[in-house]
Structures are given as C-alpha cells and as structure tokens.
C-alpha cells in the first residue's frame, strides 16, 4: 500500500528484481514490502494459478508496508506478464493513481532461458528447453510473454504518463550499480547520499541456483518470506539468514545446469523478439548495447 510517491518494480521476471528490491529497501527513505511479490494487483487466478500464493485482501496488502515511510513499493514480476495477468495497470491506477514504476529488463533471450531455469528449479518443469518453449506462438507462455517488453510497456502508457515509468537495463545495474541507483533515487525523489556499502551484494546469481524439491520450494517461497516467517527465525538478521540458507542448499540440493540453446532455436528466438526489441528501443531511446538482438 503506497502513500505519496511509490516504486513498483514492475518488471519482467528474473531480471534482477530480487537484487533491486533489496537495494531499494536499504535506502533509509524507502520501504519495500516484506513479501517481495504479493501480486495484489495481478487479480484472481482466472485459470492461471499462483504457484506460491497471492495477497488478495487489501488489509493484508497494507500490512506489508510501514505507513511511516513516505516511499513504499514492491516487486511483483507478474505485473508485466500480460495476457497471463490482465488488468494490472487499471487496478493500480484505481488505487494508487500517482504510482511510479521501475521497469527492469534484460536481454529477452537470456530472460527466457532464466525463466525456464526457474521453472525447472522450483515448479517441477522436466521438459527440455525446446519442448517447454514450443512454437513460441502461445501468448500465455510464462517463458515468452514477460519478454515482450514493448507490449507490456504499452499497457502502462495507456494509463500513466511516460515520466512515471523508468526503464532500467539489468546490464546497467550490474556494470554501474551506483550510477544506476542514483538515477533510480532521483526518479523516486529521495536522497542519493547513502552508505554505499549496503548496496554491494548481488542476489540470486546463477551460481546460487539449485533444484528445489516441491515441499522445500513451497517452504522457501511461502513460509520463509515476510510475515509468515517462523518466529524464531525473525530474530536472525536477513544478512545472516540468506548466506546460511545458501550454504545449506549448496550441500543438500543439486545445482541447476544451464540448458543448451542450439543455433536453430536461438535464431527462432531472435526473429521472434526482433520487432519487440526495436519498439522498446524506439520507446525508451536506449540502445541496450549488450543484448544479443
């Protein structure tokens, strides 16, 4: 629940939103939701289930935020996955008409592969990458639709002025974290004089990925987040909990391998995404020089 200016990290999935959510929460003038992805504005399931639940009641959503902090936000990646999740900008406009949005994007082919890896890791996907992607024509494909950045951005521009949306390339955040964060802080009208040591960590890197058994995945994504965290663990600082959990996972869980992207499938993806990337460049004026398309 936002008051005054707000930052909704409305992004394609697996583009670095976990790290950005963490960085924003380190700023003394910003408070990010205790549950990173409440998906409150995503709406009912409508045939597309939420694997790890959704905050559906306004009262429960408001409890994720500290009303004493003027700049508040969350990072539900489902807000940029039309048509799987429809009507999101309209719902946000109705409740938070002055919202601001940070749209974090990355190379669309890399994002597609990362989404597939996520499904293998936590959602039980066992098909090959080629089988999971199919013929690329399914508009509801979770591996495809969030990479259609220009189309997702168009939906928000119908309801919010251009100056309320800031598009950030993940490569910028990785290569120039301080300068990129300063740009974001300026966009959110908060002070950029901060303790930069608090922004040094990079979360959810590929080397940390493991294949979660179904029960553990649900425990991690539901029970070990926000207000559902068991009381004894709340006394352990997040900076301690995270490396401790990763150490245990490295020992007990299998590492997630990078799938093979053959030349024919890469060419199909390049052709499929070419128009979207061209439109995104035209919309934003950004060149995205590190992208493969």
C-alpha atoms as a PDB file:
ATOM      1  CA  UNK A   1       0.000   0.000   0.000  1.00  0.00           C
ATOM      2  CA  UNK A   2       1.535   3.283  -1.116  1.00  0.00           C
ATOM      3  CA  UNK A   3       1.167   6.814   0.068  1.00  0.00           C
ATOM      4  CA  UNK A   4       2.787   9.757  -1.710  1.00  0.00           C
ATOM      5  CA  UNK A   5       5.378   8.578  -4.261  1.00  0.00           C
ATOM      6  CA  UNK A   6       5.712   4.860  -4.718  1.00  0.00           C
ATOM      7  CA  UNK A   7       8.060   2.496  -6.516  1.00  0.00           C
ATOM      8  CA  UNK A   8       6.546  -0.530  -8.161  1.00  0.00           C
ATOM      9  CA  UNK A   9       9.338  -2.656  -9.573  1.00  0.00           C
ATOM     10  CA  UNK A  10       7.123  -3.746 -12.427  1.00  0.00           C
ATOM     11  CA  UNK A  11       9.457  -5.965 -14.317  1.00  0.00           C
ATOM     12  CA  UNK A  12       9.898  -8.999 -16.418  1.00  0.00           C
ATOM     13  CA  UNK A  13      10.613 -11.977 -14.239  1.00  0.00           C
ATOM     14  CA  UNK A  14      14.182 -12.901 -13.374  1.00  0.00           C
ATOM     15  CA  UNK A  15      15.715  -9.631 -14.498  1.00  0.00           C
ATOM     16  CA  UNK A  16      17.385  -8.840 -11.189  1.00  0.00           C
ATOM     17  CA  UNK A  17      14.286  -7.798  -9.271  1.00  0.00           C
ATOM     18  CA  UNK A  18      15.388  -9.601  -6.110  1.00  0.00           C
ATOM     19  CA  UNK A  19      18.579  -7.548  -6.004  1.00  0.00           C
ATOM     20  CA  UNK A  20      16.783  -4.300  -6.854  1.00  0.00           C
ATOM     21  CA  UNK A  21      14.124  -4.959  -4.218  1.00  0.00           C
ATOM     22  CA  UNK A  22      16.945  -5.459  -1.711  1.00  0.00           C
ATOM     23  CA  UNK A  23      18.813  -2.301  -2.804  1.00  0.00           C
ATOM     24  CA  UNK A  24      15.734  -0.107  -2.578  1.00  0.00           C
ATOM     25  CA  UNK A  25      14.937  -1.478   0.863  1.00  0.00           C
ATOM     26  CA  UNK A  26      18.419  -0.465   2.057  1.00  0.00           C
ATOM     27  CA  UNK A  27      17.650   3.210   1.408  1.00  0.00           C
ATOM     28  CA  UNK A  28      16.582   4.971   4.625  1.00  0.00           C
ATOM     29  CA  UNK A  29      13.758   6.819   2.839  1.00  0.00           C
ATOM     30  CA  UNK A  30      12.316   3.740   1.090  1.00  0.00           C
ATOM     31  CA  UNK A  31      10.461   0.722   2.453  1.00  0.00           C
ATOM     32  CA  UNK A  32       9.835  -2.281   0.246  1.00  0.00           C
ATOM     33  CA  UNK A  33       7.134  -4.832   1.023  1.00  0.00           C
ATOM     34  CA  UNK A  34       8.039  -7.565   3.478  1.00  0.00           C
ATOM     35  CA  UNK A  35       6.831 -10.046   0.849  1.00  0.00           C
ATOM     36  CA  UNK A  36       8.705  -9.255  -2.379  1.00  0.00           C
ATOM     37  CA  UNK A  37       5.932 -10.436  -4.717  1.00  0.00           C
ATOM     38  CA  UNK A  38       2.471 -10.132  -3.158  1.00  0.00           C
ATOM     39  CA  UNK A  39       0.850  -9.964  -6.626  1.00  0.00           C
ATOM     40  CA  UNK A  40      -2.020  -7.991  -5.129  1.00  0.00           C
ATOM     41  CA  UNK A  41      -2.755  -6.112  -8.367  1.00  0.00           C
ATOM     42  CA  UNK A  42      -2.406  -9.218 -10.552  1.00  0.00           C
ATOM     43  CA  UNK A  43      -6.009 -10.124  -9.860  1.00  0.00           C
ATOM     44  CA  UNK A  44      -7.710 -13.502  -9.419  1.00  0.00           C
ATOM     45  CA  UNK A  45      -6.206 -16.661 -10.895  1.00  0.00           C
ATOM     46  CA  UNK A  46      -8.625 -16.842 -13.862  1.00  0.00           C
ATOM     47  CA  UNK A  47      -7.207 -20.207 -14.840  1.00  0.00           C
ATOM     48  CA  UNK A  48      -3.572 -19.227 -14.278  1.00  0.00           C
ATOM     49  CA  UNK A  49      -2.717 -20.305 -10.721  1.00  0.00           C
ATOM     50  CA  UNK A  50      -0.213 -18.642  -8.428  1.00  0.00           C
ATOM     51  CA  UNK A  51       2.259 -21.419  -7.531  1.00  0.00           C
ATOM     52  CA  UNK A  52       3.118 -19.846  -4.177  1.00  0.00           C
ATOM     53  CA  UNK A  53       0.024 -17.867  -3.344  1.00  0.00           C
ATOM     54  CA  UNK A  54      -1.139 -14.265  -3.626  1.00  0.00           C
ATOM     55  CA  UNK A  55      -2.057 -11.486  -1.219  1.00  0.00           C
ATOM     56  CA  UNK A  56      -5.658 -10.875  -2.246  1.00  0.00           C
ATOM     57  CA  UNK A  57      -7.121  -8.727   0.551  1.00  0.00           C
ATOM     58  CA  UNK A  58      -6.377  -5.013   0.728  1.00  0.00           C
ATOM     59  CA  UNK A  59      -5.967  -5.143   4.513  1.00  0.00           C
ATOM     60  CA  UNK A  60      -3.340  -7.895   4.224  1.00  0.00           C
ATOM     61  CA  UNK A  61      -1.585  -5.964   1.453  1.00  0.00           C
ATOM     62  CA  UNK A  62      -1.418  -2.795   3.544  1.00  0.00           C
ATOM     63  CA  UNK A  63       0.168  -4.760   6.368  1.00  0.00           C
ATOM     64  CA  UNK A  64       3.193  -5.410   4.152  1.00  0.00           C
ATOM     65  CA  UNK A  65       4.178  -1.729   4.368  1.00  0.00           C
ATOM     66  CA  UNK A  66       5.203   0.771   7.007  1.00  0.00           C
ATOM     67  CA  UNK A  67       2.861   3.794   6.750  1.00  0.00           C
ATOM     68  CA  UNK A  68       5.512   5.964   8.437  1.00  0.00           C
ATOM     69  CA  UNK A  69       7.751   5.730   5.356  1.00  0.00           C
ATOM     70  CA  UNK A  70       6.808   8.046   2.506  1.00  0.00           C
ATOM     71  CA  UNK A  71       8.192   5.972  -0.392  1.00  0.00           C
ATOM     72  CA  UNK A  72       6.986   2.400  -0.440  1.00  0.00           C
ATOM     73  CA  UNK A  73       6.952  -0.284  -3.105  1.00  0.00           C
ATOM     74  CA  UNK A  74       7.006  -3.916  -4.073  1.00  0.00           C
ATOM     75  CA  UNK A  75       8.390  -6.117  -6.857  1.00  0.00           C
ATOM     76  CA  UNK A  76       5.690  -8.406  -8.235  1.00  0.00           C
ATOM     77  CA  UNK A  77       7.043  -9.592 -11.573  1.00  0.00           C
ATOM     78  CA  UNK A  78       3.565 -10.764 -12.593  1.00  0.00           C
ATOM     79  CA  UNK A  79       2.577  -7.132 -13.142  1.00  0.00           C
ATOM     80  CA  UNK A  80       4.357  -7.306 -16.507  1.00  0.00           C
ATOM     81  CA  UNK A  81       3.117 -10.658 -17.819  1.00  0.00           C
ATOM     82  CA  UNK A  82       0.077  -9.769 -19.915  1.00  0.00           C
ATOM     83  CA  UNK A  83      -2.007 -11.637 -21.059  1.00  0.00           C
ATOM     84  CA  UNK A  84      -1.399 -14.166 -18.278  1.00  0.00           C
ATOM     85  CA  UNK A  85      -2.239 -11.410 -15.792  1.00  0.00           C
ATOM     86  CA  UNK A  86      -4.700  -8.906 -17.244  1.00  0.00           C
ATOM     87  CA  UNK A  87      -5.958  -5.548 -15.994  1.00  0.00           C
ATOM     88  CA  UNK A  88      -2.946  -4.802 -13.778  1.00  0.00           C
ATOM     89  CA  UNK A  89      -2.358  -1.150 -14.791  1.00  0.00           C
ATOM     90  CA  UNK A  90      -6.055  -0.420 -14.422  1.00  0.00           C
ATOM     91  CA  UNK A  91      -6.129  -1.817 -10.865  1.00  0.00           C
ATOM     92  CA  UNK A  92      -3.050   0.143  -9.869  1.00  0.00           C
ATOM     93  CA  UNK A  93      -4.456   3.341 -11.405  1.00  0.00           C
ATOM     94  CA  UNK A  94      -7.662   2.949  -9.420  1.00  0.00           C
ATOM     95  CA  UNK A  95      -5.961   2.509  -6.041  1.00  0.00           C
ATOM     96  CA  UNK A  96      -2.630   4.328  -6.496  1.00  0.00           C
ATOM     97  CA  UNK A  97      -3.108   6.899  -9.286  1.00  0.00           C
ATOM     98  CA  UNK A  98       0.207   8.639  -8.508  1.00  0.00           C
ATOM     99  CA  UNK A  99       2.304   5.431  -8.649  1.00  0.00           C
ATOM    100  CA  UNK A 100       5.738   5.369 -10.226  1.00  0.00           C
ATOM    101  CA  UNK A 101       7.184   2.327 -11.974  1.00  0.00           C
ATOM    102  CA  UNK A 102      10.665   0.935 -12.427  1.00  0.00           C
ATOM    103  CA  UNK A 103      10.661  -1.488 -15.343  1.00  0.00           C
ATOM    104  CA  UNK A 104      13.745  -3.679 -15.064  1.00  0.00           C
ATOM    105  CA  UNK A 105      14.548  -5.550 -18.276  1.00  0.00           C
ATOM    106  CA  UNK A 106      17.329  -7.698 -19.686  1.00  0.00           C
ATOM    107  CA  UNK A 107      18.270  -9.427 -22.933  1.00  0.00           C
ATOM    108  CA  UNK A 108      14.951 -11.124 -23.804  1.00  0.00           C
ATOM    109  CA  UNK A 109      16.575 -14.401 -24.853  1.00  0.00           C
ATOM    110  CA  UNK A 110      18.579 -14.561 -21.633  1.00  0.00           C
ATOM    111  CA  UNK A 111      15.410 -13.792 -19.670  1.00  0.00           C
ATOM    112  CA  UNK A 112      13.524 -16.564 -21.458  1.00  0.00           C
ATOM    113  CA  UNK A 113      16.214 -19.103 -20.571  1.00  0.00           C
ATOM    114  CA  UNK A 114      16.306 -17.837 -16.996  1.00  0.00           C
ATOM    115  CA  UNK A 115      12.536 -18.246 -16.712  1.00  0.00           C
ATOM    116  CA  UNK A 116      12.823 -21.824 -17.936  1.00  0.00           C
ATOM    117  CA  UNK A 117      15.550 -22.483 -15.345  1.00  0.00           C
ATOM    118  CA  UNK A 118      13.316 -21.046 -12.645  1.00  0.00           C
ATOM    119  CA  UNK A 119      10.537 -23.415 -13.633  1.00  0.00           C
ATOM    120  CA  UNK A 120      12.945 -26.348 -13.507  1.00  0.00           C
ATOM    121  CA  UNK A 121      14.253 -25.244 -10.117  1.00  0.00           C
ATOM    122  CA  UNK A 122      11.007 -24.575  -8.264  1.00  0.00           C
ATOM    123  CA  UNK A 123       7.992 -25.581 -10.372  1.00  0.00           C
ATOM    124  CA  UNK A 124       8.856 -29.112 -11.432  1.00  0.00           C
ATOM    125  CA  UNK A 125       9.460 -28.440 -15.131  1.00  0.00           C
ATOM    126  CA  UNK A 126      11.182 -31.502 -16.633  1.00  0.00           C
ATOM    127  CA  UNK A 127      10.802 -30.931 -20.360  1.00  0.00           C
ATOM    128  CA  UNK A 128      13.732 -29.753 -22.438  1.00  0.00           C
ATOM    129  CA  UNK A 129      14.040 -26.050 -23.234  1.00  0.00           C
ATOM    130  CA  UNK A 130      12.872 -26.650 -26.811  1.00  0.00           C
ATOM    131  CA  UNK A 131       9.834 -28.628 -25.654  1.00  0.00           C
ATOM    132  CA  UNK A 132       8.927 -26.064 -22.987  1.00  0.00           C
ATOM    133  CA  UNK A 133       9.048 -23.153 -25.448  1.00  0.00           C
ATOM    134  CA  UNK A 134       7.029 -24.946 -28.128  1.00  0.00           C
ATOM    135  CA  UNK A 135       6.379 -22.937 -31.291  1.00  0.00           C
ATOM    136  CA  UNK A 136       6.643 -19.576 -29.459  1.00  0.00           C
ATOM    137  CA  UNK A 137       3.093 -18.644 -30.508  1.00  0.00           C
ATOM    138  CA  UNK A 138       1.349 -19.220 -27.160  1.00  0.00           C
ATOM    139  CA  UNK A 139       0.585 -15.713 -25.805  1.00  0.00           C
ATOM    140  CA  UNK A 140       0.143 -17.158 -22.305  1.00  0.00           C
ATOM    141  CA  UNK A 141       3.587 -18.777 -22.171  1.00  0.00           C
ATOM    142  CA  UNK A 142       5.297 -17.726 -18.939  1.00  0.00           C
ATOM    143  CA  UNK A 143       8.665 -18.141 -20.656  1.00  0.00           C
ATOM    144  CA  UNK A 144       7.710 -15.818 -23.513  1.00  0.00           C
ATOM    145  CA  UNK A 145       5.153 -13.113 -22.648  1.00  0.00           C
ATOM    146  CA  UNK A 146       7.215 -11.317 -19.933  1.00  0.00           C
ATOM    147  CA  UNK A 147       9.987 -10.806 -22.526  1.00  0.00           C
ATOM    148  CA  UNK A 148       7.641  -8.831 -24.791  1.00  0.00           C
ATOM    149  CA  UNK A 149       8.794  -5.615 -23.151  1.00  0.00           C
ATOM    150  CA  UNK A 150       7.367  -3.046 -25.568  1.00  0.00           C
ATOM    151  CA  UNK A 151       3.934  -4.655 -25.451  1.00  0.00           C
ATOM    152  CA  UNK A 152       3.985  -4.711 -21.646  1.00  0.00           C
ATOM    153  CA  UNK A 153       5.121  -1.079 -21.531  1.00  0.00           C
ATOM    154  CA  UNK A 154       2.370  -0.027 -23.949  1.00  0.00           C
ATOM    155  CA  UNK A 155      -0.279  -1.185 -21.459  1.00  0.00           C
ATOM    156  CA  UNK A 156       1.073   1.076 -18.711  1.00  0.00           C
ATOM    157  CA  UNK A 157       1.479   4.058 -21.017  1.00  0.00           C
ATOM    158  CA  UNK A 158      -2.271   3.935 -21.669  1.00  0.00           C
ATOM    159  CA  UNK A 159      -2.905   4.734 -18.012  1.00  0.00           C
ATOM    160  CA  UNK A 160       0.189   6.576 -16.718  1.00  0.00           C
ATOM    161  CA  UNK A 161       2.296   9.421 -18.151  1.00  0.00           C
ATOM    162  CA  UNK A 162       5.686   8.495 -19.610  1.00  0.00           C
ATOM    163  CA  UNK A 163       7.580  10.349 -16.879  1.00  0.00           C
ATOM    164  CA  UNK A 164       6.209   7.944 -14.270  1.00  0.00           C
ATOM    165  CA  UNK A 165       7.967   4.955 -15.852  1.00  0.00           C
ATOM    166  CA  UNK A 166      11.700   4.398 -15.627  1.00  0.00           C
ATOM    167  CA  UNK A 167      13.153   1.606 -17.780  1.00  0.00           C
ATOM    168  CA  UNK A 168      16.386   0.126 -16.442  1.00  0.00           C
ATOM    169  CA  UNK A 169      18.561  -2.434 -18.208  1.00  0.00           C
ATOM    170  CA  UNK A 170      19.846  -5.118 -15.849  1.00  0.00           C
ATOM    171  CA  UNK A 171      23.240  -4.781 -17.531  1.00  0.00           C
ATOM    172  CA  UNK A 172      23.369  -1.158 -16.342  1.00  0.00           C
ATOM    173  CA  UNK A 173      22.632  -2.229 -12.786  1.00  0.00           C
ATOM    174  CA  UNK A 174      25.412  -4.823 -12.924  1.00  0.00           C
ATOM    175  CA  UNK A 175      28.055  -2.698 -14.649  1.00  0.00           C
ATOM    176  CA  UNK A 176      27.368   0.618 -12.926  1.00  0.00           C
ATOM    177  CA  UNK A 177      25.401  -0.057  -9.780  1.00  0.00           C
ATOM    178  CA  UNK A 178      25.985   3.282  -8.057  1.00  0.00           C
ATOM    179  CA  UNK A 179      25.217   5.426 -11.089  1.00  0.00           C
ATOM    180  CA  UNK A 180      22.123   3.361 -11.911  1.00  0.00           C
ATOM    181  CA  UNK A 181      20.865   3.508  -8.334  1.00  0.00           C
ATOM    182  CA  UNK A 182      21.457   7.271  -8.255  1.00  0.00           C
ATOM    183  CA  UNK A 183      19.264   7.528 -11.358  1.00  0.00           C
ATOM    184  CA  UNK A 184      16.579   5.484  -9.603  1.00  0.00           C
ATOM    185  CA  UNK A 185      16.824   7.525  -6.402  1.00  0.00           C
ATOM    186  CA  UNK A 186      16.435  10.732  -8.403  1.00  0.00           C
ATOM    187  CA  UNK A 187      13.402   9.247 -10.155  1.00  0.00           C
ATOM    188  CA  UNK A 188      11.869   8.432  -6.754  1.00  0.00           C
ATOM    189  CA  UNK A 189      12.747  11.876  -5.334  1.00  0.00           C
ATOM    190  CA  UNK A 190      14.845  10.502  -2.470  1.00  0.00           C
ATOM    191  CA  UNK A 191      18.323  11.444  -1.278  1.00  0.00           C
ATOM    192  CA  UNK A 192      21.276   9.837  -3.088  1.00  0.00           C
ATOM    193  CA  UNK A 193      23.704  10.440  -0.209  1.00  0.00           C
ATOM    194  CA  UNK A 194      23.712   6.935   1.276  1.00  0.00           C
ATOM    195  CA  UNK A 195      26.032   4.317   2.762  1.00  0.00           C
ATOM    196  CA  UNK A 196      27.016   2.569  -0.469  1.00  0.00           C
ATOM    197  CA  UNK A 197      28.421  -0.463   1.342  1.00  0.00           C
ATOM    198  CA  UNK A 198      24.800  -1.520   1.914  1.00  0.00           C
ATOM    199  CA  UNK A 199      24.348  -1.940  -1.852  1.00  0.00           C
ATOM    200  CA  UNK A 200      27.287  -4.241  -2.560  1.00  0.00           C
ATOM    201  CA  UNK A 201      25.521  -7.615  -2.560  1.00  0.00           C
ATOM    202  CA  UNK A 202      24.142  -9.249  -5.693  1.00  0.00           C
ATOM    203  CA  UNK A 203      21.312 -11.700  -5.028  1.00  0.00           C
ATOM    204  CA  UNK A 204      20.008 -14.775  -6.865  1.00  0.00           C
ATOM    205  CA  UNK A 205      23.036 -15.191  -9.119  1.00  0.00           C
ATOM    206  CA  UNK A 206      23.166 -18.201 -11.452  1.00  0.00           C
ATOM    207  CA  UNK A 207      25.862 -19.855  -9.370  1.00  0.00           C
ATOM    208  CA  UNK A 208      23.464 -19.967  -6.407  1.00  0.00           C
ATOM    209  CA  UNK A 209      20.639 -21.730  -8.230  1.00  0.00           C
ATOM    210  CA  UNK A 210      19.605 -25.160  -7.013  1.00  0.00           C
ATOM    211  CA  UNK A 211      16.778 -27.571  -7.873  1.00  0.00           C
ATOM    212  CA  UNK A 212      14.273 -27.426  -5.027  1.00  0.00           C
ATOM    213  CA  UNK A 213      12.113 -30.420  -4.108  1.00  0.00           C
ATOM    214  CA  UNK A 214       8.432 -29.328  -4.262  1.00  0.00           C
ATOM    215  CA  UNK A 215       7.935 -29.220  -0.490  1.00  0.00           C
ATOM    216  CA  UNK A 216      11.087 -27.179   0.042  1.00  0.00           C
ATOM    217  CA  UNK A 217      10.182 -24.774  -2.755  1.00  0.00           C
ATOM    218  CA  UNK A 218       6.852 -24.037  -1.089  1.00  0.00           C
ATOM    219  CA  UNK A 219       8.546 -23.656   2.301  1.00  0.00           C
ATOM    220  CA  UNK A 220      11.077 -21.219   0.865  1.00  0.00           C
ATOM    221  CA  UNK A 221       8.691 -19.110  -1.208  1.00  0.00           C
ATOM    222  CA  UNK A 222       5.768 -19.034   1.201  1.00  0.00           C
ATOM    223  CA  UNK A 223       6.833 -19.767   4.751  1.00  0.00           C
ATOM    224  CA  UNK A 224      10.251 -18.131   4.691  1.00  0.00           C
ATOM    225  CA  UNK A 225       9.056 -14.729   3.490  1.00  0.00           C
ATOM    226  CA  UNK A 226       7.606 -11.698   5.173  1.00  0.00           C
ATOM    227  CA  UNK A 227       5.026 -12.045   7.961  1.00  0.00           C
ATOM    228  CA  UNK A 228       4.864 -15.851   7.523  1.00  0.00           C
ATOM    229  CA  UNK A 229       8.462 -16.275   8.669  1.00  0.00           C
ATOM    230  CA  UNK A 230       8.545 -18.558  11.737  1.00  0.00           C
ATOM    231  CA  UNK A 231       9.016 -16.518  14.905  1.00  0.00           C
ATOM    232  CA  UNK A 232      12.434 -17.993  15.905  1.00  0.00           C
ATOM    233  CA  UNK A 233      13.916 -17.054  12.502  1.00  0.00           C
ATOM    234  CA  UNK A 234      12.722 -13.443  12.696  1.00  0.00           C
ATOM    235  CA  UNK A 235      15.396 -12.812  15.315  1.00  0.00           C
ATOM    236  CA  UNK A 236      18.110 -13.755  12.834  1.00  0.00           C
ATOM    237  CA  UNK A 237      19.046 -10.764  10.623  1.00  0.00           C
ATOM    238  CA  UNK A 238      18.350 -11.216   6.911  1.00  0.00           C
ATOM    239  CA  UNK A 239      22.041 -10.645   6.190  1.00  0.00           C
ATOM    240  CA  UNK A 240      22.755 -13.760   8.267  1.00  0.00           C
ATOM    241  CA  UNK A 241      19.777 -15.882   7.179  1.00  0.00           C
ATOM    242  CA  UNK A 242      20.489 -15.594   3.467  1.00  0.00           C
ATOM    243  CA  UNK A 243      24.123 -16.841   3.396  1.00  0.00           C
ATOM    244  CA  UNK A 244      23.260 -19.509   5.953  1.00  0.00           C
ATOM    245  CA  UNK A 245      20.436 -20.822   3.779  1.00  0.00           C
ATOM    246  CA  UNK A 246      22.611 -20.718   0.652  1.00  0.00           C
ATOM    247  CA  UNK A 247      25.353 -22.711   2.408  1.00  0.00           C
ATOM    248  CA  UNK A 248      22.886 -25.413   3.388  1.00  0.00           C
ATOM    249  CA  UNK A 249      21.401 -25.525  -0.114  1.00  0.00           C
ATOM    250  CA  UNK A 250      24.832 -25.901  -1.730  1.00  0.00           C
ATOM    251  CA  UNK A 251      25.396 -29.007   0.371  1.00  0.00           C
ATOM    252  CA  UNK A 252      21.967 -30.649   0.119  1.00  0.00           C
ATOM    253  CA  UNK A 253      20.487 -29.603  -3.244  1.00  0.00           C
ATOM    254  CA  UNK A 254      21.558 -30.355  -6.824  1.00  0.00           C
ATOM    255  CA  UNK A 255      22.960 -27.490  -8.846  1.00  0.00           C
ATOM    256  CA  UNK A 256      20.808 -26.149 -11.672  1.00  0.00           C
ATOM    257  CA  UNK A 257      22.572 -26.552 -15.014  1.00  0.00           C
ATOM    258  CA  UNK A 258      22.316 -24.058 -17.860  1.00  0.00           C
ATOM    259  CA  UNK A 259      20.220 -25.513 -20.705  1.00  0.00           C
ATOM    260  CA  UNK A 260      21.619 -25.836 -24.204  1.00  0.00           C
ATOM    261  CA  UNK A 261      20.418 -23.224 -26.684  1.00  0.00           C
ATOM    262  CA  UNK A 262      21.216 -24.538 -30.143  1.00  0.00           C
ATOM    263  CA  UNK A 263      21.734 -22.272 -33.151  1.00  0.00           C
ATOM    264  CA  UNK A 264      18.340 -23.056 -34.692  1.00  0.00           C
ATOM    265  CA  UNK A 265      16.397 -22.253 -31.519  1.00  0.00           C
ATOM    266  CA  UNK A 266      18.448 -19.093 -30.932  1.00  0.00           C
ATOM    267  CA  UNK A 267      17.686 -17.919 -34.485  1.00  0.00           C
ATOM    268  CA  UNK A 268      13.956 -18.520 -33.908  1.00  0.00           C
ATOM    269  CA  UNK A 269      14.044 -16.508 -30.687  1.00  0.00           C
ATOM    270  CA  UNK A 270      15.990 -13.682 -32.305  1.00  0.00           C
ATOM    271  CA  UNK A 271      13.454 -13.433 -35.111  1.00  0.00           C
ATOM    272  CA  UNK A 272      10.531 -13.670 -32.687  1.00  0.00           C
ATOM    273  CA  UNK A 273      11.777 -10.894 -30.389  1.00  0.00           C
ATOM    274  CA  UNK A 274      13.283  -8.587 -33.039  1.00  0.00           C
ATOM    275  CA  UNK A 275      10.261  -6.316 -33.516  1.00  0.00           C
ATOM    276  CA  UNK A 276       9.646  -6.032 -29.762  1.00  0.00           C
ATOM    277  CA  UNK A 277      13.240  -5.023 -29.097  1.00  0.00           C
ATOM    278  CA  UNK A 278      13.150  -2.475 -31.928  1.00  0.00           C
ATOM    279  CA  UNK A 279       9.961  -0.943 -30.497  1.00  0.00           C
ATOM    280  CA  UNK A 280      11.449  -0.860 -26.994  1.00  0.00           C
ATOM    281  CA  UNK A 281      14.496   0.992 -28.293  1.00  0.00           C
ATOM    282  CA  UNK A 282      12.219   3.491 -30.025  1.00  0.00           C
ATOM    283  CA  UNK A 283      10.049   3.949 -26.915  1.00  0.00           C
ATOM    284  CA  UNK A 284      12.941   4.438 -24.498  1.00  0.00           C
ATOM    285  CA  UNK A 285      15.755   5.895 -26.606  1.00  0.00           C
ATOM    286  CA  UNK A 286      18.025   3.238 -25.070  1.00  0.00           C
ATOM    287  CA  UNK A 287      20.293   1.125 -27.265  1.00  0.00           C
ATOM    288  CA  UNK A 288      20.707  -1.891 -24.948  1.00  0.00           C
ATOM    289  CA  UNK A 289      24.198  -2.491 -26.378  1.00  0.00           C
ATOM    290  CA  UNK A 290      24.891  -5.764 -24.545  1.00  0.00           C
ATOM    291  CA  UNK A 291      21.783  -7.539 -25.841  1.00  0.00           C
ATOM    292  CA  UNK A 292      22.049 -10.332 -28.397  1.00  0.00           C
ATOM    293  CA  UNK A 293      19.327  -8.831 -30.606  1.00  0.00           C
END
